[in-house]
Protein backbone atom coordinates (compact mmCIF):
# COMPACT_ATOMS: atom_id res chain seq x y z
CA MET A 1 104.46 71.00 63.34
CA SER A 2 103.75 68.98 60.18
CA ARG A 3 101.75 70.42 57.31
CA PRO A 4 98.06 69.50 56.63
CA PRO A 5 97.54 66.11 54.95
CA LEU A 6 96.82 66.02 51.24
CA ALA A 7 93.18 65.43 50.28
CA PRO A 8 92.49 61.83 49.17
CA ARG A 9 91.17 61.30 45.65
CA GLY A 10 87.89 59.63 44.71
CA ARG A 11 84.18 60.18 45.09
CA HIS A 12 84.39 60.06 48.95
CA ALA A 13 87.16 62.64 49.17
CA LEU A 14 86.62 65.63 51.49
CA PRO A 15 87.39 69.15 50.26
CA ALA A 16 90.91 70.33 51.09
CA THR A 17 89.57 73.28 53.09
CA VAL A 18 87.58 70.94 55.37
CA LEU A 19 90.60 68.72 55.94
CA ALA A 20 92.72 71.75 56.79
CA LEU A 21 90.14 72.92 59.33
CA LEU A 22 90.05 69.48 60.93
CA TRP A 23 93.84 69.49 61.11
CA LEU A 24 93.90 72.92 62.79
CA THR A 25 91.30 71.77 65.33
CA ALA A 26 93.35 68.69 66.16
CA ALA A 27 96.51 70.75 66.43
CA ALA A 28 94.80 73.16 68.84
CA ALA A 29 93.65 70.24 70.97
CA SER A 30 97.15 68.78 71.11
CA ALA A 31 98.48 72.22 72.07
CA GLY A 32 96.27 72.39 75.14
CA ALA A 33 92.95 73.87 74.14
CA SER A 34 90.40 74.51 76.86
CA PRO A 35 86.86 73.10 76.62
CA ASN A 36 85.69 76.21 74.76
CA GLY A 37 88.17 75.53 71.95
CA ASP A 38 90.58 78.45 72.41
CA ALA A 39 94.16 77.20 72.36
CA GLY A 40 95.97 78.14 75.57
CA ILE A 41 92.91 79.88 77.08
CA PHE A 42 91.17 78.31 80.07
CA ARG A 43 88.03 80.09 81.24
CA VAL A 44 86.99 79.61 84.85
CA ARG A 45 83.33 79.23 83.92
CA ALA A 46 84.21 76.27 81.70
CA TYR A 47 85.58 74.55 84.82
CA GLY A 48 82.48 75.15 86.94
CA ALA A 49 82.94 78.63 88.45
CA ALA A 50 79.58 80.27 89.23
CA GLY A 51 80.52 83.86 90.06
CA ASP A 52 77.24 84.32 91.92
CA GLY A 53 78.79 85.64 95.15
CA LYS A 54 77.51 82.60 97.06
CA ARG A 55 79.05 79.32 95.90
CA ASP A 56 82.70 78.55 96.57
CA ASP A 57 84.58 78.89 93.29
CA THR A 58 88.00 77.89 94.67
CA PRO A 59 87.90 74.31 93.26
CA ALA A 60 86.84 75.53 89.82
CA PHE A 61 89.64 78.11 89.70
CA GLN A 62 92.19 75.46 90.71
CA ARG A 63 90.93 73.08 88.01
CA ALA A 64 91.39 75.80 85.40
CA ILE A 65 94.90 76.57 86.70
CA ASP A 66 95.88 72.89 86.69
CA ALA A 67 94.65 72.50 83.11
CA ALA A 68 96.55 75.61 82.01
CA ALA A 69 99.73 74.37 83.69
CA SER A 70 100.13 71.59 81.11
CA VAL A 71 100.90 74.14 78.39
CA GLY A 72 101.72 77.31 80.30
CA GLY A 73 98.35 78.78 79.39
CA THR A 74 96.22 81.67 80.59
CA VAL A 75 93.27 81.39 82.96
CA VAL A 76 90.58 83.91 82.09
CA VAL A 77 88.30 85.19 84.84
CA ASP A 78 85.02 85.80 83.03
CA PRO A 79 83.26 89.08 83.91
CA VAL A 80 80.21 89.07 86.18
CA GLY A 81 77.14 91.28 86.48
CA ARG A 82 76.39 93.89 89.13
CA GLY A 83 76.92 92.83 92.72
CA ARG A 84 78.20 89.36 91.80
CA GLY A 85 81.64 87.85 92.17
CA TYR A 86 83.75 84.73 92.45
CA VAL A 87 84.05 83.48 96.04
CA LEU A 88 87.49 82.18 97.01
CA THR A 89 87.83 80.49 100.39
CA GLY A 90 91.22 78.79 100.04
CA ARG A 91 94.64 79.05 98.49
CA LEU A 92 95.09 78.87 94.73
CA GLU A 93 98.39 77.32 93.64
CA VAL A 94 99.24 79.30 90.52
CA LYS A 95 101.69 76.91 88.94
CA GLN A 96 104.75 77.77 86.89
CA GLY A 97 104.03 79.47 83.61
CA VAL A 98 100.33 80.05 84.31
CA SER A 99 98.83 83.54 84.04
CA ILE A 100 95.50 84.79 85.34
CA VAL A 101 93.74 87.58 83.46
CA GLY A 102 90.49 89.33 84.33
CA ALA A 103 90.00 92.64 82.57
CA PRO A 104 92.63 92.82 79.78
CA ALA A 105 92.60 96.63 79.95
CA GLY A 106 92.58 96.98 83.74
CA MET A 107 89.86 97.58 86.31
CA PRO A 108 87.01 100.00 85.56
CA PHE A 109 85.87 102.59 88.06
CA ILE A 110 82.79 104.70 87.83
CA ALA A 111 83.62 107.22 90.55
CA TRP A 112 86.72 108.55 92.23
CA GLU A 113 85.61 106.93 95.47
CA GLY A 114 85.61 103.50 93.87
CA THR A 115 82.65 101.40 92.83
CA PRO A 116 80.00 100.34 95.37
CA ARG A 117 79.57 96.58 95.61
CA ALA A 118 76.01 96.73 94.32
CA MET A 119 77.28 98.30 91.10
CA GLN A 120 80.62 96.53 90.65
CA THR A 121 80.98 94.46 87.47
CA GLY A 122 83.86 92.69 85.78
CA ALA A 123 86.42 90.23 87.16
CA VAL A 124 85.37 90.48 90.81
CA ILE A 125 86.97 88.22 93.43
CA LEU A 126 85.27 88.03 96.84
CA ALA A 127 88.02 86.83 99.18
CA ARG A 128 86.56 84.89 102.10
CA PRO A 129 89.36 82.72 103.50
CA ALA A 130 88.13 79.82 105.62
CA PRO A 131 89.37 79.80 109.25
CA SER A 132 91.61 76.83 108.46
CA GLU A 133 93.54 79.10 106.06
CA TYR A 134 94.73 81.54 108.73
CA GLU A 135 94.13 80.24 112.24
CA GLY A 136 97.36 79.44 114.01
CA LYS A 137 100.83 80.78 113.33
CA ALA A 138 101.05 79.76 109.66
CA LYS A 139 98.72 81.30 107.09
CA ARG A 140 97.95 80.53 103.45
CA ALA A 141 97.93 83.17 100.75
CA LEU A 142 94.99 83.61 98.41
CA PHE A 143 97.26 83.37 95.34
CA ASP A 144 100.45 81.31 95.71
CA LEU A 145 102.58 82.35 92.72
CA GLN A 146 105.14 79.72 91.74
CA GLY A 147 107.05 81.45 88.95
CA GLY A 148 106.61 82.79 85.45
CA ASN A 149 103.18 84.19 86.33
CA THR A 150 101.26 87.28 85.32
CA VAL A 151 98.12 88.29 87.23
CA ARG A 152 96.18 91.14 85.68
CA GLY A 153 92.89 93.00 85.89
CA LEU A 154 91.20 91.75 89.08
CA TYR A 155 89.03 93.52 91.66
CA ILE A 156 89.66 91.69 94.96
CA LEU A 157 87.62 92.52 98.03
CA TYR A 158 87.69 90.83 101.44
CA ASP A 159 84.02 91.61 101.80
CA ARG A 160 83.51 89.74 105.09
CA GLN A 161 86.10 91.89 106.85
CA PRO A 162 84.47 94.76 108.79
CA TRP A 163 84.71 98.34 107.58
CA PRO A 164 82.51 100.36 109.98
CA SER A 165 81.75 104.05 109.62
CA ASP A 166 82.02 106.63 112.39
CA ALA A 167 78.25 106.41 112.83
CA GLU A 168 78.51 102.68 113.57
CA PHE A 169 81.29 103.24 116.11
CA ASP A 170 79.16 105.89 117.83
CA ASP A 171 75.99 103.79 117.97
CA PRO A 172 75.66 102.09 121.41
CA LYS A 173 73.69 99.25 119.77
CA SER A 174 76.42 98.55 117.22
CA PRO A 175 78.83 95.61 117.73
CA TYR A 176 81.61 98.11 116.98
CA HIS A 177 80.78 100.49 119.83
CA TYR A 178 83.45 100.91 122.55
CA PRO A 179 83.30 102.84 125.83
CA SER A 180 86.28 105.04 124.91
CA ASP A 181 88.50 106.05 122.02
CA ALA A 182 91.44 104.23 123.62
CA ASP A 183 89.43 101.01 123.90
CA ARG A 184 88.41 101.27 120.26
CA VAL A 185 92.01 101.65 119.08
CA GLU A 186 93.32 98.85 121.30
CA ARG A 187 90.58 96.28 120.76
CA PHE A 188 88.86 96.65 117.39
CA LEU A 189 91.35 94.71 115.25
CA ARG A 190 91.61 91.93 117.80
CA ASP A 191 87.86 91.70 118.33
CA HIS A 192 86.59 91.92 114.75
CA VAL A 193 89.23 91.58 112.02
CA LYS A 194 90.49 88.22 110.80
CA PRO A 195 94.31 88.19 110.42
CA VAL A 196 94.20 86.33 107.12
CA GLY A 197 97.13 85.42 104.91
CA PRO A 198 98.45 87.71 102.17
CA THR A 199 96.58 88.17 98.92
CA PHE A 200 99.65 87.26 96.88
CA THR A 201 102.75 85.38 97.96
CA ILE A 202 105.88 84.70 95.91
CA ARG A 203 107.95 81.77 97.10
CA PRO A 204 111.72 81.85 97.77
CA GLY A 205 113.67 81.22 94.59
CA VAL A 206 110.73 82.10 92.36
CA ALA A 207 111.34 84.59 89.54
CA SER A 208 109.60 86.39 86.70
CA VAL A 209 106.30 87.42 88.29
CA THR A 210 104.17 90.36 87.15
CA ILE A 211 101.17 91.73 89.07
CA GLU A 212 99.29 94.58 87.43
CA ASP A 213 95.97 96.39 87.24
CA ILE A 214 94.78 95.06 90.59
CA THR A 215 92.36 96.70 92.97
CA CYS A 216 92.30 95.17 96.44
CA GLY A 217 90.54 96.25 99.64
CA ARG A 218 90.43 95.11 103.29
CA TYR A 219 93.46 92.81 103.04
CA TRP A 220 95.59 92.05 106.09
CA ASP A 221 98.79 91.99 103.97
CA PHE A 222 98.65 92.41 100.19
CA LEU A 223 101.92 91.06 98.72
CA ALA A 224 104.47 88.86 100.49
CA LEU A 225 107.84 88.31 98.83
CA THR A 226 110.09 86.03 100.84
CA GLY A 227 113.14 85.46 98.67
CA GLY A 228 112.38 85.55 94.94
CA GLY A 229 113.38 88.08 92.35
CA LYS A 230 112.59 89.72 89.03
CA VAL A 231 109.22 90.88 90.31
CA PHE A 232 107.23 93.65 88.64
CA VAL A 233 104.14 95.31 90.15
CA HIS A 234 102.26 97.91 88.12
CA ARG A 235 99.14 100.06 88.55
CA CYS A 236 97.54 98.79 91.75
CA TYR A 237 94.86 100.55 93.82
CA LEU A 238 95.07 99.28 97.41
CA PHE A 239 94.05 99.80 101.00
CA GLY A 240 93.99 97.38 103.93
CA TYR A 241 94.75 96.88 107.60
CA LYS A 242 98.49 96.14 107.63
CA ARG A 243 101.21 96.00 104.94
CA ALA A 244 100.75 96.56 101.24
CA PHE A 245 104.21 95.21 100.32
CA ALA A 246 105.94 92.88 102.79
CA VAL A 247 109.35 91.87 101.41
CA ARG A 248 111.58 89.73 103.60
CA GLU A 249 114.16 89.31 100.83
CA ALA A 250 114.27 90.15 97.14
CA LYS A 251 117.34 88.68 95.50
CA ASP A 252 117.24 90.49 92.19
CA THR A 253 115.19 93.35 90.76
CA LEU A 254 112.03 94.51 92.47
CA ARG A 255 110.20 97.12 90.39
CA ILE A 256 107.02 98.78 91.61
CA ASP A 257 105.23 101.65 89.89
CA GLY A 258 101.86 103.35 89.61
CA ILE A 259 100.68 102.43 93.12
CA HIS A 260 97.76 104.16 94.85
CA ILE A 261 97.38 103.20 98.53
CA VAL A 262 94.27 105.16 99.46
CA PRO A 263 91.08 104.04 101.29
CA ASN A 264 88.72 105.07 98.49
CA VAL A 265 88.57 101.65 96.83
CA GLU A 266 84.92 101.15 97.82
CA GLU A 267 82.13 102.62 99.95
CA PRO A 268 81.91 104.30 102.40
CA ILE A 269 83.94 107.35 101.46
CA SER A 270 87.00 108.19 103.47
CA TRP A 271 85.81 111.04 105.64
CA LYS A 272 82.96 108.88 107.01
CA CYS A 273 85.54 106.43 108.41
CA ALA A 274 87.94 108.67 110.34
CA LYS A 275 87.79 106.49 113.45
CA LEU A 276 88.55 103.34 111.50
CA HIS A 277 91.52 105.06 109.88
CA GLU A 278 92.73 106.11 113.31
CA ILE A 279 92.67 102.46 114.40
CA ILE A 280 94.50 101.23 111.31
CA THR A 281 97.20 103.90 111.35
CA ALA A 282 97.81 103.73 115.10
CA TRP A 283 99.84 100.53 114.79
CA ASP A 284 103.43 100.58 113.54
CA ASP A 285 102.90 97.44 111.41
CA ASN A 286 100.59 99.41 109.13
CA ILE A 287 103.27 100.00 106.47
CA ALA A 288 103.03 100.72 102.78
CA PHE A 289 106.47 99.24 101.94
CA ASP A 290 108.16 96.95 104.48
CA PHE A 291 111.54 95.96 102.99
CA GLY A 292 113.75 93.59 104.96
CA SER A 293 116.60 92.96 102.51
CA VAL A 294 116.25 93.99 98.86
CA ASP A 295 119.06 93.76 96.33
CA GLY A 296 118.06 96.75 94.25
CA TYR A 297 114.54 98.15 94.33
CA SER A 298 113.12 100.68 91.92
CA ILE A 299 109.89 102.44 92.91
CA ASN A 300 108.17 105.12 90.87
CA ASP A 301 104.92 107.10 90.97
CA VAL A 302 103.45 106.12 94.34
CA VAL A 303 100.76 107.83 96.40
CA VAL A 304 100.14 106.73 99.99
CA PHE A 305 97.32 108.38 101.89
CA LEU A 306 96.78 107.31 105.51
CA ALA A 307 99.47 104.93 106.79
CA HIS A 308 101.46 104.71 109.97
CA THR A 309 104.73 104.27 108.05
CA GLY A 310 105.37 104.95 104.39
CA MET A 311 108.58 102.92 103.99
CA ARG A 312 110.52 100.76 106.45
CA LEU A 313 114.04 99.93 105.26
CA GLY A 314 115.69 96.99 107.01
CA THR A 315 115.26 94.94 110.17
CA SER A 316 116.49 94.88 113.76
CA LYS A 317 115.77 93.01 116.97
CA ALA A 318 113.42 95.81 117.95
CA ARG A 319 111.80 95.80 114.51
CA PRO A 320 112.13 92.37 112.92
CA PHE A 321 110.47 91.38 109.67
CA ARG A 322 107.40 89.25 110.31
CA ASP A 323 106.71 86.72 107.55
CA PRO A 324 103.01 86.99 106.56
CA ASN A 325 102.90 83.28 105.71
CA THR A 326 104.74 81.62 108.60
CA GLY A 327 104.73 84.25 111.32
CA GLU A 328 108.51 83.81 111.66
CA GLU A 329 110.61 86.85 112.49
CA THR A 330 113.82 87.66 110.61
CA VAL A 331 116.66 89.99 111.57
CA HIS A 332 119.35 90.70 108.99
CA ALA A 333 123.01 91.56 109.63
CA TRP A 334 124.43 95.01 108.84
CA GLY A 335 125.25 95.27 105.14
CA GLN A 336 122.15 93.28 104.16
CA GLY A 337 119.81 96.24 104.41
CA PRO A 338 117.81 97.20 101.32
CA TRP A 339 119.17 99.57 98.72
CA GLY A 340 117.64 101.17 95.67
CA SER A 341 115.86 104.24 94.37
CA VAL A 342 112.48 105.91 94.70
CA HIS A 343 111.09 108.49 92.29
CA ASN A 344 107.91 110.54 92.63
CA LEU A 345 106.76 109.43 96.07
CA LYS A 346 103.92 111.11 97.97
CA LEU A 347 103.30 110.12 101.60
CA ASP A 348 100.22 112.00 102.76
CA ASN A 349 98.96 111.73 106.37
CA VAL A 350 101.53 109.45 108.00
CA THR A 351 103.18 109.15 111.38
CA VAL A 352 106.58 108.16 109.98
CA GLY A 353 107.54 108.84 106.39
CA ILE A 354 110.71 106.81 105.87
CA GLU A 355 112.01 104.59 108.69
CA CYS A 356 115.68 103.64 108.22
CA VAL A 357 116.35 100.53 110.31
CA LEU A 358 119.31 98.68 108.74
CA GLY A 359 122.07 99.99 106.54
CA THR A 360 124.33 98.76 103.77
CA ILE A 361 127.21 100.25 101.77
CA LEU A 362 124.94 101.07 98.81
CA PRO A 363 122.72 104.14 99.04
CA ASN A 364 118.99 104.63 99.23
CA GLN A 365 118.14 107.48 96.89
CA PHE A 366 114.90 109.48 96.73
CA THR A 367 113.95 112.06 94.10
CA ASN A 368 110.80 114.18 94.08
CA THR A 369 109.52 113.10 97.48
CA MET A 370 106.68 114.67 99.47
CA VAL A 371 106.04 113.71 103.10
CA HIS A 372 103.10 115.10 105.04
CA VAL A 373 103.35 114.13 108.72
CA SER A 374 100.11 114.50 110.62
CA ILE A 375 99.10 111.32 112.48
CA ARG A 376 99.52 111.30 116.24
CA PRO A 377 102.27 108.89 117.41
CA ARG A 378 101.80 106.27 120.13
CA GLU A 379 105.53 105.98 120.94
CA ARG A 380 108.34 108.15 122.18
CA PHE A 381 111.56 108.22 120.17
CA GLY A 382 114.60 106.44 121.54
CA GLY A 383 112.69 105.15 124.54
CA SER A 384 113.06 108.44 126.40
CA PRO A 385 110.16 110.82 127.04
CA GLY A 386 112.60 113.70 127.18
CA ILE A 387 113.65 113.59 123.52
CA ALA A 388 110.72 113.66 121.13
CA ALA A 389 107.66 111.85 119.95
CA ARG A 390 108.32 109.10 117.40
CA GLN A 391 106.81 111.12 114.59
CA GLY A 392 108.83 112.40 111.66
CA ALA A 393 109.44 112.47 107.95
CA VAL A 394 112.74 110.56 108.35
CA VAL A 395 113.47 108.33 111.35
CA VAL A 396 116.91 106.71 111.66
CA GLU A 397 117.37 103.67 113.90
CA PRO A 398 120.72 102.44 115.35
CA GLY A 399 121.33 99.77 112.69
CA PHE A 400 121.28 102.30 109.85
CA GLY A 401 124.47 103.93 111.07
CA GLY A 402 127.26 103.86 108.49
CA ALA A 403 124.79 104.18 105.62
CA THR A 404 123.87 107.07 103.35
CA LEU A 405 120.42 108.44 102.59
CA GLN A 406 120.12 110.91 99.71
CA PHE A 407 117.23 113.17 98.69
CA ALA A 408 116.82 115.43 95.70
CA ASN A 409 113.72 117.66 95.83
CA LEU A 410 112.20 116.83 99.21
CA SER A 411 109.04 118.57 100.43
CA LEU A 412 108.03 118.26 104.10
CA SER A 413 104.85 119.62 105.63
CA SER A 414 102.63 119.06 108.62
CA PHE A 415 98.98 119.80 109.28
CA ALA A 416 96.15 117.75 110.75
CA PRO A 417 92.86 117.70 108.84
CA LYS A 418 90.17 116.87 111.37
CA ASN A 419 87.73 115.30 108.93
CA VAL A 420 90.17 112.62 107.70
CA VAL A 421 92.05 111.15 110.65
CA ALA A 422 90.57 111.25 114.13
CA SER A 423 92.99 112.71 116.69
CA GLY A 424 95.49 113.83 114.07
CA ALA A 425 98.36 115.96 115.32
CA MET A 426 100.99 117.97 113.50
CA VAL A 427 104.67 117.79 114.33
CA ALA A 428 104.58 120.86 116.60
CA GLN A 429 101.54 119.54 118.52
CA ALA A 430 102.78 115.97 118.97
CA GLY A 431 106.41 116.87 119.70
CA GLY A 432 107.78 115.11 116.63
CA ARG A 433 110.59 116.26 114.33
CA ALA A 434 111.27 116.42 110.61
CA PHE A 435 114.42 114.27 111.16
CA LEU A 436 115.00 111.89 114.08
CA PHE A 437 118.42 110.24 114.65
CA ASP A 438 119.31 107.31 116.91
CA SER A 439 122.70 106.06 115.68
CA PRO A 440 125.16 105.58 118.56
CA GLU A 441 127.55 103.13 116.84
CA ARG A 442 128.18 104.36 113.27
CA THR A 443 127.74 107.77 111.70
CA VAL A 444 124.76 108.09 109.40
CA THR A 445 124.65 110.77 106.72
CA VAL A 446 121.45 112.25 105.31
CA THR A 447 121.96 114.61 102.38
CA VAL A 448 119.14 116.73 100.96
CA PHE A 449 119.46 118.74 97.75
CA GLY A 450 116.45 121.01 97.51
CA LEU A 451 114.27 120.96 100.63
CA ALA A 452 110.98 122.82 100.94
CA MET A 453 109.65 122.67 104.49
CA SER A 454 106.41 124.20 105.70
CA ASN A 455 104.40 124.39 108.91
CA THR A 456 107.27 122.93 110.94
CA PRO A 457 108.98 125.25 113.45
CA ALA A 458 112.75 125.64 113.42
CA ASP A 459 113.10 123.83 116.76
CA HIS A 460 111.27 120.83 115.30
CA LEU A 461 113.75 120.22 112.51
CA VAL A 462 116.02 117.64 114.22
CA ALA A 463 116.19 115.52 117.36
CA ALA A 464 118.87 112.97 118.23
CA THR A 465 119.35 110.55 121.09
CA PRO A 466 122.36 111.15 123.36
CA GLY A 467 125.58 109.86 121.84
CA SER A 468 124.21 109.57 118.33
CA LYS A 469 126.61 109.99 115.39
CA TRP A 470 124.87 111.71 112.52
CA ARG A 471 125.23 114.34 109.84
CA LEU A 472 122.40 116.25 108.14
CA GLN A 473 123.43 118.19 105.05
CA LEU A 474 120.91 120.67 103.60
CA ARG A 475 121.65 122.29 100.26
CA GLY A 476 119.28 124.85 98.75
CA TRP A 477 116.29 124.85 101.06
CA THR A 478 113.41 126.97 102.27
CA ARG A 479 111.18 127.11 105.33
CA ASP A 480 107.68 128.50 104.82
CA GLY A 481 108.84 130.00 101.52
CA GLU A 482 111.86 131.82 103.01
CA PRO A 483 115.32 130.83 101.70
CA GLN A 484 117.64 129.30 104.31
CA PRO A 485 121.45 129.13 104.24
CA ASP A 486 123.06 125.80 103.38
CA SER A 487 123.84 123.93 106.55
CA GLU A 488 125.53 120.84 107.89
CA THR A 489 124.57 119.64 111.34
CA PRO A 490 125.91 118.97 113.84
């Protein structure tokens, strides 16, 4: 950049300081200043966003993004007052190099149960996708991230999606009333919930994306990654109907930390919605982390409370990966299963803790893992009613054979709190097991260094389908506080 021009001489000359200021203003304009004069900053209100919770702000947001794309700038989501928010009805194409920032220091909460809508302030997004965005097989994400993006400090709520309390389900005059518990579980999602596209999607081949300090509630799927890499997700508070993280393929480096997947992101509080939680967790596509093929994942400091499955590793014909954007199903070949490490993982109130579907030569390693199995299963394991219920801390499918699963400091427990999940059932009640093996083709090895197991009878430790090849190694473990000898089974 050239230096400021010298001040001309004579009686009409302007002071040098004024000329320098004019030069800086012109330089800022040439560098891509937004209408409010801040170089590289593009505020959504300057492009027509209302934030009143009524008008559609999608066009205004896209205008701000398009303007920022010329210089790789930052779109700022201006804060709103109580009960207000920016309505988004369609996809935002977040172009390369553009970042979106709401609260620079993250999302505020006034209570541990989250902030009621009437009191919520800040960078609030009210996600209301139009039917054209999700009807049919293909769906459009709310934020389509195209590379080099950071999204930070947003409160995103799909406020038109239903979230009924137990009282509403029990009221015969309510649209959510069903003649039986079985009808409610089978029909509610189909009758009332819109299967919208993911909140965030990262395209194949896209890299260098960061998502942090996000609160999101009532999503269908939260994040869809279909082939990119170098993705970082930090400090997110989430709860929705289906998958929090749906990853078909991650080519290089997927790092996720500080994740809280718990229903207390808004009103009503969790124990008033036990029947809704029963519906959500009854289906095996309610998964916190659904990883098809990941070339090295690193997950740290995660709490999941109320999910059918904590982690699903890999794909198979029986359990293909369903793309949240296209609806297409993908099955990977053996050796393309995900591999990586997990540290400080808590899975509280699940049907299946870790589901191992497809293996590879590299290990999946877990340290400091707690799994609390307590949600009643809808399936039998291995397709045979004579084996066990499909409920367990670790479930191994046929395609995982030949792979290794390692744990250091694993805690397993089972109890069914009645005021949290309707019809909960512990392992002994439901007929589940701590470890379930179905690996008839290749031997699978699960090694545990330091196991603390409680409220699970000895005969509910392991079940295996006939002909399975498996090895469970336990080193330094206790049951109900009593030391147990090291063992290797079978």
